[in-house]
Amino acid sequence: MKEVTNTALAKVERRLSTFAEDPVWQRLWLNLESLSWRSLAIVPAGKGTCIDLVHALAAVAWHQRSTRVIVADLRTLNLPALTAARNEIRRRVDGGERVLICMNSLDQNPTSATIAREADKVVICTYLGITVRSEVRRLMVEVGAQRCLGSIVVNMDGT
């Protein structure tokens, strides 16, 4: 079993390394980094996940800055754990760290809207050919359009 785990980790590391060296992802990170935020929530519009996108951004951030960007995977955050998660994000931000927050859509997890509203900025993750405009609009209304930096369009094949 241990050998399988090491192989899986090696594949993930190679994939993240590919993102870190990709000029498109580097440009995206540099654009995001130049904006004023300490906590950035990546929220999918509609069903889907954005964990690969968040990890890719973190890999590029590490590659570009040689420092850590904290990834907070809050996709399964439940109501009883909400206060602890909010406090931990605040603690990290107050300590000078940048936090990339991954969460499920507003429909999939009721805590997502609260976390997104408390983040400095939000990026909406949309899926080519799947996400409908009304889902994006609803998400912007729910978290506040002034908080949204824009959206990232993802193909279902992960590109």
Protein backbone atom coordinates (compact mmCIF):
# COMPACT_ATOMS: atom_id res chain seq x y z
CA MET A 1 0.00 0.00 0.00
CA LYS A 2 2.80 2.43 0.80
CA GLU A 3 4.24 2.13 -2.70
CA VAL A 4 0.87 3.04 -4.25
CA THR A 5 0.67 6.12 -2.02
CA ASN A 6 4.18 7.25 -3.01
CA THR A 7 3.30 6.79 -6.68
CA ALA A 8 0.12 8.82 -6.27
CA LEU A 9 2.03 11.60 -4.50
CA ALA A 10 4.64 11.63 -7.25
CA LYS A 11 1.92 12.04 -9.89
CA VAL A 12 0.32 14.91 -7.98
CA GLU A 13 3.69 16.62 -7.50
CA ARG A 14 4.50 16.28 -11.23
CA ARG A 15 1.11 17.72 -12.15
CA LEU A 16 1.52 20.66 -9.77
CA SER A 17 5.02 21.23 -11.11
CA THR A 18 3.51 21.47 -14.61
CA PHE A 19 1.15 24.22 -13.41
CA ALA A 20 3.99 26.05 -11.68
CA GLU A 21 5.98 26.18 -14.90
CA ASP A 22 3.07 27.10 -17.19
CA PRO A 23 3.20 30.79 -18.28
CA VAL A 24 -0.63 31.01 -18.36
CA TRP A 25 -0.89 29.93 -14.73
CA GLN A 26 2.06 32.15 -13.78
CA ARG A 27 0.35 35.16 -15.38
CA LEU A 28 -2.89 34.34 -13.59
CA TRP A 29 -1.10 34.10 -10.24
CA LEU A 30 0.86 37.32 -10.81
CA ASN A 31 -2.37 39.14 -11.64
CA LEU A 32 -4.06 37.79 -8.52
CA GLU A 33 -1.03 38.40 -6.32
CA SER A 34 -0.83 42.05 -7.34
CA LEU A 35 -4.31 42.71 -5.97
CA SER A 36 -5.01 43.63 -2.38
CA TRP A 37 -6.04 40.48 -0.51
CA ARG A 38 -4.83 38.19 2.25
CA SER A 39 -7.66 35.64 1.97
CA LEU A 40 -8.98 34.60 -1.42
CA ALA A 41 -12.02 32.32 -1.71
CA ILE A 42 -12.35 30.23 -4.85
CA VAL A 43 -16.03 29.33 -5.17
CA PRO A 44 -17.59 27.16 -7.87
CA ALA A 45 -20.77 28.42 -9.50
CA GLY A 46 -23.10 25.46 -9.65
CA LYS A 47 -21.96 21.97 -8.82
CA GLY A 48 -18.33 21.06 -9.14
CA THR A 49 -15.09 21.35 -7.27
CA CYS A 50 -12.25 23.80 -7.46
CA ILE A 51 -9.65 21.95 -5.38
CA ASP A 52 -7.37 21.26 -8.36
CA LEU A 53 -7.50 24.92 -9.32
CA VAL A 54 -6.64 26.02 -5.77
CA HIS A 55 -3.74 23.58 -5.56
CA ALA A 56 -2.47 24.75 -8.95
CA LEU A 57 -2.52 28.38 -7.80
CA ALA A 58 -0.72 27.41 -4.59
CA ALA A 59 1.95 25.58 -6.59
CA VAL A 60 2.54 28.61 -8.79
CA ALA A 61 2.59 30.89 -5.75
CA TRP A 62 5.25 28.77 -4.11
CA HIS A 63 7.22 28.64 -7.36
CA GLN A 64 6.99 32.41 -7.88
CA ARG A 65 7.48 33.60 -4.32
CA SER A 66 9.35 30.70 -2.74
CA THR A 67 6.99 31.08 0.20
CA ARG A 68 3.93 29.24 1.29
CA VAL A 69 0.42 30.14 0.50
CA ILE A 70 -1.92 28.32 2.83
CA VAL A 71 -4.63 26.17 1.22
CA ALA A 72 -7.77 25.92 3.33
CA ASP A 73 -9.90 23.08 2.00
CA LEU A 74 -13.32 23.93 3.41
CA ARG A 75 -15.42 21.93 0.96
CA THR A 76 -16.90 19.79 3.72
CA LEU A 77 -17.01 22.44 6.44
CA ASN A 78 -20.10 21.93 8.58
CA LEU A 79 -21.97 24.43 10.71
CA PRO A 80 -20.51 23.32 14.07
CA ALA A 81 -16.95 23.79 12.71
CA LEU A 82 -17.64 27.18 11.08
CA THR A 83 -16.45 29.34 13.98
CA ALA A 84 -13.18 27.44 14.33
CA ALA A 85 -12.49 27.71 10.58
CA ARG A 86 -13.22 31.45 10.59
CA ASN A 87 -10.90 31.96 13.56
CA GLU A 88 -8.10 29.94 11.95
CA ILE A 89 -8.31 31.92 8.71
CA ARG A 90 -8.24 35.19 10.68
CA ARG A 91 -5.24 33.96 12.69
CA ARG A 92 -3.32 33.08 9.51
CA VAL A 93 -4.17 36.39 7.83
CA ASP A 94 -3.29 38.38 10.96
CA GLY A 95 0.02 36.47 11.00
CA GLY A 96 0.84 37.78 7.51
CA GLU A 97 0.04 34.66 5.52
CA ARG A 98 -2.03 34.49 2.37
CA VAL A 99 -4.84 31.93 2.40
CA LEU A 100 -6.43 30.36 -0.66
CA ILE A 101 -9.83 29.01 0.38
CA CYS A 102 -11.42 26.15 -1.50
CA MET A 103 -15.08 25.49 -0.94
CA ASN A 104 -18.10 23.84 -2.46
CA SER A 105 -20.81 25.81 -4.19
CA LEU A 106 -23.41 27.70 -2.20
CA ASP A 107 -25.97 25.00 -3.02
CA GLN A 108 -23.72 22.19 -1.82
CA ASN A 109 -22.61 23.75 1.47
CA PRO A 110 -24.46 26.46 3.42
CA THR A 111 -21.23 27.62 5.12
CA SER A 112 -19.65 28.60 1.78
CA ALA A 113 -21.47 31.93 1.55
CA THR A 114 -20.37 32.95 5.06
CA ILE A 115 -16.71 32.12 4.41
CA ALA A 116 -16.78 33.80 0.98
CA ARG A 117 -18.32 36.99 2.41
CA GLU A 118 -15.60 37.14 5.05
CA ALA A 119 -12.75 36.55 2.59
CA ASP A 120 -11.01 39.65 1.28
CA LYS A 121 -11.77 38.68 -2.32
CA VAL A 122 -13.57 35.95 -4.26
CA VAL A 123 -12.85 34.28 -7.58
CA ILE A 124 -15.70 32.38 -9.19
CA CYS A 125 -14.91 29.03 -10.78
CA THR A 126 -17.09 28.26 -13.80
CA TYR A 127 -17.21 25.17 -15.98
CA LEU A 128 -17.20 25.47 -19.75
CA GLY A 129 -20.52 24.35 -21.20
CA ILE A 130 -21.98 23.50 -17.78
CA THR A 131 -22.21 26.62 -15.62
CA VAL A 132 -25.21 28.79 -16.40
CA ARG A 133 -25.15 32.56 -16.13
CA SER A 134 -27.87 32.65 -13.48
CA GLU A 135 -25.66 30.61 -11.10
CA VAL A 136 -22.84 33.14 -11.49
CA ARG A 137 -25.21 36.06 -10.93
CA ARG A 138 -26.70 34.46 -7.84
CA LEU A 139 -23.24 33.78 -6.42
CA MET A 140 -22.19 37.40 -7.02
CA VAL A 141 -25.31 38.69 -5.29
CA GLU A 142 -24.86 36.32 -2.36
CA VAL A 143 -21.20 37.16 -1.66
CA GLY A 144 -21.23 40.75 -2.92
CA ALA A 145 -20.20 41.77 -6.42
CA GLN A 146 -17.65 44.27 -5.04
CA ARG A 147 -15.80 41.34 -3.47
CA CYS A 148 -15.54 39.35 -6.75
CA LEU A 149 -12.34 39.70 -8.74
CA GLY A 150 -13.66 37.74 -11.68
CA SER A 151 -14.01 34.16 -12.82
CA ILE A 152 -11.84 31.33 -14.02
CA VAL A 153 -13.30 29.08 -16.70
CA VAL A 154 -12.36 25.42 -16.37
CA ASN A 155 -12.86 22.65 -18.92
CA MET A 156 -14.20 19.46 -17.40
CA ASP A 157 -10.98 17.76 -18.51
CA GLY A 158 -9.22 19.98 -15.95
CA THR A 159 -7.61 22.52 -18.27
